[in-house]
Protein backbone atom coordinates (compact mmCIF):
# COMPACT_ATOMS: atom_id res chain seq x y z
CA UNK A 1 28.12 32.80 13.06
CA UNK A 2 26.52 29.43 12.39
CA UNK A 3 26.03 27.12 15.34
CA UNK A 4 26.72 23.39 15.29
CA UNK A 5 23.41 21.52 14.92
CA UNK A 6 24.65 17.94 14.84
CA UNK A 7 21.63 15.61 15.16
CA UNK A 8 21.32 13.63 18.39
CA UNK A 9 18.80 11.18 19.80
CA UNK A 10 17.27 13.98 21.89
CA UNK A 11 13.81 14.85 20.49
CA UNK A 12 14.38 18.51 21.39
CA UNK A 13 17.22 18.79 18.85
CA UNK A 14 15.92 20.82 15.86
CA UNK A 15 18.23 19.31 13.21
CA UNK A 16 17.39 15.73 12.34
CA UNK A 17 14.79 15.27 15.06
CA UNK A 18 12.01 14.33 12.62
CA UNK A 19 14.20 11.66 11.01
CA UNK A 20 15.19 10.23 14.37
CA UNK A 21 11.59 10.11 15.53
CA UNK A 22 10.59 8.30 12.37
CA UNK A 23 13.42 5.82 12.92
CA UNK A 24 12.22 5.13 16.46
CA UNK A 25 8.69 4.50 15.19
CA UNK A 26 9.93 2.05 12.54
CA UNK A 27 12.10 0.29 15.13
CA UNK A 28 9.09 -0.03 17.44
CA UNK A 29 7.07 -1.69 14.68
CA UNK A 30 9.89 -3.96 13.49
CA UNK A 31 10.78 -5.19 16.98
CA UNK A 32 7.38 -6.71 17.82
CA UNK A 33 6.07 -10.10 16.71
CA UNK A 34 2.45 -8.92 16.81
CA UNK A 35 1.82 -5.77 14.70
CA UNK A 36 1.30 -2.94 17.21
CA UNK A 37 -1.52 -0.41 17.38
CA UNK A 38 -1.04 3.35 17.59
CA UNK A 39 -1.24 3.38 21.39
CA UNK A 40 1.41 0.64 21.65
CA UNK A 41 3.80 2.57 19.42
CA UNK A 42 3.26 5.79 21.39
CA UNK A 43 4.09 3.99 24.62
CA UNK A 44 7.23 2.46 23.16
CA UNK A 45 8.65 5.67 21.65
CA UNK A 46 7.39 8.03 24.37
CA UNK A 47 5.75 10.47 21.96
CA UNK A 48 2.21 11.92 21.90
CA UNK A 49 -0.43 10.34 19.67
CA UNK A 50 -0.77 13.28 17.24
CA UNK A 51 2.99 13.23 16.60
CA UNK A 52 3.16 9.47 16.10
CA UNK A 53 0.05 9.52 13.90
CA UNK A 54 1.62 12.13 11.61
CA UNK A 55 4.85 10.13 11.41
CA UNK A 56 2.94 6.94 10.59
CA UNK A 57 0.96 8.70 7.87
CA UNK A 58 4.21 9.87 6.24
CA UNK A 59 5.84 6.44 6.54
CA UNK A 60 2.74 4.73 5.16
CA UNK A 61 2.63 7.08 2.16
CA UNK A 62 6.30 6.24 1.52
CA UNK A 63 5.66 2.49 1.64
CA UNK A 64 7.83 2.04 4.72
CA UNK A 65 4.98 0.86 6.97
CA UNK A 66 1.51 -0.45 6.30
CA UNK A 67 -1.73 -1.13 8.09
CA UNK A 68 -3.30 -4.56 8.27
CA UNK A 69 -6.60 -4.78 6.38
CA UNK A 70 -9.57 -4.29 8.68
CA UNK A 71 -7.46 -3.36 11.70
CA UNK A 72 -5.55 -0.48 13.23
CA UNK A 73 -2.31 -2.42 13.55
CA UNK A 74 0.87 -1.40 11.75
CA UNK A 75 3.49 -3.61 10.14
CA UNK A 76 6.71 -3.10 8.19
CA UNK A 77 6.08 -2.14 4.58
CA UNK A 78 7.67 -3.76 1.55
CA UNK A 79 10.07 -0.85 1.15
CA UNK A 80 11.34 -1.21 4.72
CA UNK A 81 11.62 -5.00 4.36
CA UNK A 82 13.56 -4.55 1.13
CA UNK A 83 15.87 -2.09 2.90
CA UNK A 84 16.52 -4.62 5.66
CA UNK A 85 17.30 -7.24 3.05
CA UNK A 86 19.75 -4.96 1.25
CA UNK A 87 21.49 -4.17 4.54
CA UNK A 88 22.07 -7.88 5.12
CA UNK A 89 22.85 -8.56 1.46
CA UNK A 90 25.63 -5.97 1.34
CA UNK A 91 26.85 -6.11 4.93
CA UNK A 92 30.57 -6.51 5.77
CA UNK A 93 29.84 -10.00 7.15
CA UNK A 94 28.69 -11.29 3.77
CA UNK A 95 32.07 -12.96 3.16
CA UNK A 96 31.75 -14.96 6.40
CA UNK A 97 28.18 -16.01 5.54
CA UNK A 98 29.23 -16.99 2.03
CA UNK A 99 32.07 -19.11 3.42
CA UNK A 100 29.60 -21.05 5.58
CA UNK A 101 27.43 -21.71 2.53
CA UNK A 102 30.47 -22.82 0.53
CA UNK A 103 31.47 -25.29 3.24
CA UNK A 104 27.93 -26.65 3.44
CA UNK A 105 27.76 -27.08 -0.35
CA UNK A 106 31.07 -28.94 -0.28
CA UNK A 107 29.66 -31.25 2.41
CA UNK A 108 26.25 -31.87 0.83
CA UNK A 109 27.16 -31.62 -2.84
CA UNK A 110 24.01 -29.55 -3.44
CA UNK A 111 23.08 -25.87 -3.80
CA UNK A 112 22.55 -23.98 -0.53
CA UNK A 113 21.18 -20.51 0.21
CA UNK A 114 20.33 -18.02 2.94
CA UNK A 115 16.88 -16.42 2.86
CA UNK A 116 14.71 -13.88 4.70
CA UNK A 117 10.97 -13.16 4.50
CA UNK A 118 9.68 -10.14 2.59
CA UNK A 119 5.91 -9.69 2.50
CA UNK A 120 4.33 -12.72 0.82
CA UNK A 121 7.64 -13.97 -0.56
CA UNK A 122 11.09 -15.23 0.41
CA UNK A 123 14.20 -13.33 -0.71
CA UNK A 124 17.54 -15.03 -1.35
CA UNK A 125 20.26 -13.11 0.50
CA UNK A 126 23.09 -15.36 -0.65
CA UNK A 127 23.47 -18.55 -2.63
CA UNK A 128 26.26 -20.99 -3.49
CA UNK A 129 25.63 -23.25 -6.46
CA UNK A 130 26.74 -26.86 -6.72
CA UNK A 131 29.18 -27.84 -9.46
CA UNK A 132 26.65 -30.26 -10.97
CA UNK A 133 25.39 -29.29 -14.46
CA UNK A 134 21.75 -29.70 -13.35
CA UNK A 135 20.93 -26.83 -10.96
CA UNK A 136 18.46 -23.97 -10.36
CA UNK A 137 19.19 -20.43 -11.56
CA UNK A 138 18.04 -18.38 -8.56
CA UNK A 139 20.65 -15.84 -7.49
CA UNK A 140 20.80 -13.36 -4.61
CA UNK A 141 17.82 -11.02 -4.74
CA UNK A 142 15.51 -13.63 -6.30
CA UNK A 143 12.26 -14.42 -4.52
CA UNK A 144 9.92 -17.40 -4.15
CA UNK A 145 6.42 -17.67 -2.58
CA UNK A 146 6.02 -18.32 1.12
CA UNK A 147 3.44 -21.11 0.87
CA UNK A 148 5.30 -23.11 -1.79
CA UNK A 149 8.87 -23.08 -0.46
CA UNK A 150 10.63 -24.75 2.45
CA UNK A 151 12.03 -21.46 3.78
CA UNK A 152 8.66 -19.77 3.35
CA UNK A 153 6.81 -22.44 5.28
CA UNK A 154 9.43 -22.15 8.00
CA UNK A 155 8.75 -18.39 8.31
CA UNK A 156 4.99 -18.88 8.22
CA UNK A 157 5.15 -21.59 10.89
CA UNK A 158 6.91 -19.23 13.29
CA UNK A 159 4.66 -16.23 12.69
CA UNK A 160 2.31 -15.23 15.51
CA UNK A 161 -0.77 -17.45 15.22
CA UNK A 162 -3.10 -14.61 14.28
CA UNK A 163 -0.81 -13.34 11.52
CA UNK A 164 -0.35 -16.88 10.18
CA UNK A 165 -4.10 -17.51 10.09
CA UNK A 166 -4.67 -14.16 8.36
CA UNK A 167 -2.09 -15.03 5.71
CA UNK A 168 -3.71 -18.38 4.98
CA UNK A 169 -7.16 -16.81 4.86
CA UNK A 170 -6.34 -13.76 2.72
CA UNK A 171 -3.39 -14.73 0.50
CA UNK A 172 -3.90 -16.39 -2.89
CA UNK A 173 -2.37 -19.86 -2.54
CA UNK A 174 -1.19 -20.09 -6.14
CA UNK A 175 -0.58 -23.56 -7.53
CA UNK A 176 2.94 -23.90 -9.00
CA UNK A 177 3.03 -27.68 -9.36
CA UNK A 178 0.61 -30.53 -8.74
CA UNK A 179 2.11 -30.85 -5.23
CA UNK A 180 1.68 -27.20 -4.15
CA UNK A 181 -0.40 -26.90 -0.97
CA UNK A 182 -3.35 -24.74 -2.07
CA UNK A 183 -5.87 -25.98 0.50
CA UNK A 184 -5.96 -23.74 3.57
CA UNK A 185 -6.52 -26.63 5.98
CA UNK A 186 -3.70 -28.70 4.53
CA UNK A 187 -1.30 -25.76 4.66
CA UNK A 188 -2.23 -24.96 8.27
CA UNK A 189 -1.60 -28.58 9.28
CA UNK A 190 1.74 -28.56 7.46
CA UNK A 191 2.81 -25.38 9.27
CA UNK A 192 1.96 -26.95 12.63
CA UNK A 193 4.21 -29.90 11.75
CA UNK A 194 7.01 -27.57 10.66
CA UNK A 195 6.86 -25.65 13.93
CA UNK A 196 6.94 -28.87 15.97
CA UNK A 197 9.77 -30.58 14.07
CA UNK A 198 12.01 -27.52 13.69
CA UNK A 199 12.63 -27.76 9.95
CA UNK A 200 10.67 -27.51 6.69
CA UNK A 201 10.66 -29.31 3.36
CA UNK A 202 9.55 -28.55 -0.17
CA UNK A 203 8.62 -31.78 -1.94
CA UNK A 204 8.42 -30.49 -5.54
CA UNK A 205 5.91 -27.84 -4.40
CA UNK A 206 7.45 -24.88 -6.21
CA UNK A 207 9.42 -26.50 -9.05
CA UNK A 208 8.63 -29.98 -10.36
CA UNK A 209 11.57 -32.31 -9.87
CA UNK A 210 13.21 -30.14 -7.17
CA UNK A 211 13.10 -30.81 -3.43
CA UNK A 212 14.33 -28.57 -0.61
CA UNK A 213 15.20 -28.80 3.07
CA UNK A 214 15.32 -25.65 5.25
CA UNK A 215 16.35 -24.96 8.85
CA UNK A 216 15.88 -21.78 10.90
CA UNK A 217 18.49 -19.15 11.75
CA UNK A 218 17.65 -17.62 15.13
CA UNK A 219 18.41 -14.16 16.47
CA UNK A 220 19.66 -13.74 20.08
CA UNK A 221 16.04 -13.69 21.33
CA UNK A 222 15.26 -17.01 19.68
CA UNK A 223 13.15 -15.61 16.86
CA UNK A 224 13.39 -17.12 13.37
CA UNK A 225 14.77 -14.27 11.28
CA UNK A 226 16.39 -16.15 8.39
CA UNK A 227 16.58 -19.65 6.96
CA UNK A 228 19.30 -21.86 5.57
CA UNK A 229 18.11 -24.10 2.74
CA UNK A 230 19.42 -26.81 0.43
CA UNK A 231 17.95 -27.55 -3.03
CA UNK A 232 18.45 -30.67 -5.10
CA UNK A 233 16.98 -32.40 -8.15
CA UNK A 234 14.87 -35.33 -6.95
CA UNK A 235 16.48 -37.88 -9.31
CA UNK A 236 19.89 -37.07 -7.79
CA UNK A 237 18.87 -36.62 -4.15
CA UNK A 238 15.34 -37.61 -3.10
CA UNK A 239 13.94 -35.75 -0.11
CA UNK A 240 14.20 -38.85 2.10
CA UNK A 241 17.94 -39.04 1.35
CA UNK A 242 18.38 -35.27 1.83
CA UNK A 243 17.34 -35.67 5.48
CA UNK A 244 20.77 -37.13 6.26
CA UNK A 245 22.17 -33.59 5.99
CA UNK A 246 19.77 -32.09 8.56
CA UNK A 247 22.33 -32.13 11.46
CA UNK A 248 25.00 -30.48 9.28
CA UNK A 249 22.53 -27.81 8.17
CA UNK A 250 21.49 -27.08 11.75
CA UNK A 251 25.13 -26.61 12.76
CA UNK A 252 25.67 -24.31 9.77
CA UNK A 253 22.59 -22.29 10.77
CA UNK A 254 24.03 -21.79 14.26
CA UNK A 255 27.29 -20.59 12.73
CA UNK A 256 25.37 -18.33 10.34
CA UNK A 257 23.57 -16.64 13.23
CA UNK A 258 26.94 -15.63 14.69
CA UNK A 259 27.88 -13.76 11.52
CA UNK A 260 24.87 -11.44 11.52
CA UNK A 261 24.88 -8.20 13.50
CA UNK A 262 21.21 -8.21 14.43
CA UNK A 263 21.47 -4.82 16.14
CA UNK A 264 22.15 -3.23 12.75
CA UNK A 265 19.27 -4.86 10.89
């Protein structure tokens, strides 16, 4: 007779225990602002170092976690970040999020989107286009660089200082337009301003003739997990004029935060 071996959270359960342990390790890495070291992860999950090390090696080989260059700290891999994005992209609350974007587009008259960070880029989770003929063709799933986008600069500004400095030092700051910030010092100063003022702008830094305004979406702990952004052609809505919609965007971002089940992401 076969016995029921339904997986549980108990590490002593034979069936599924390896998967559950791996999940706990990934959760430990994803839940910290500063990438943790092996000892930190062991303390969080309550497992011995040899066990955690083996799990990390498997997850790293699968692209689910990675190690920072020149250090022993672990961070979420691109595959895990993409999984998190797909969970949000296809979640049951997408209709509610889309409705908020639609209302904001109706109010501003310009294209609005919801984004999350993924490695060195920003991914569009959802987007509502304006009815104007002149608009940008970037649908859900598209990505733009962190250093040359309003949402990206917002995410960089709220990274832990060490991670932000490492990004500026090690990442290629590719020039997309004549206004792209490719100087490390200038970008660092811009990120300090973004953090202080609570919003970010893209003044034709990714696409010539297009400006953008982005505001943060906070999780229950106050962390910036997503961003709400508005794009517009400069001839139709210069960046200085776009600032009039900042209060409406901040209210929409607060409403957006209520639609996301952060415990499931």
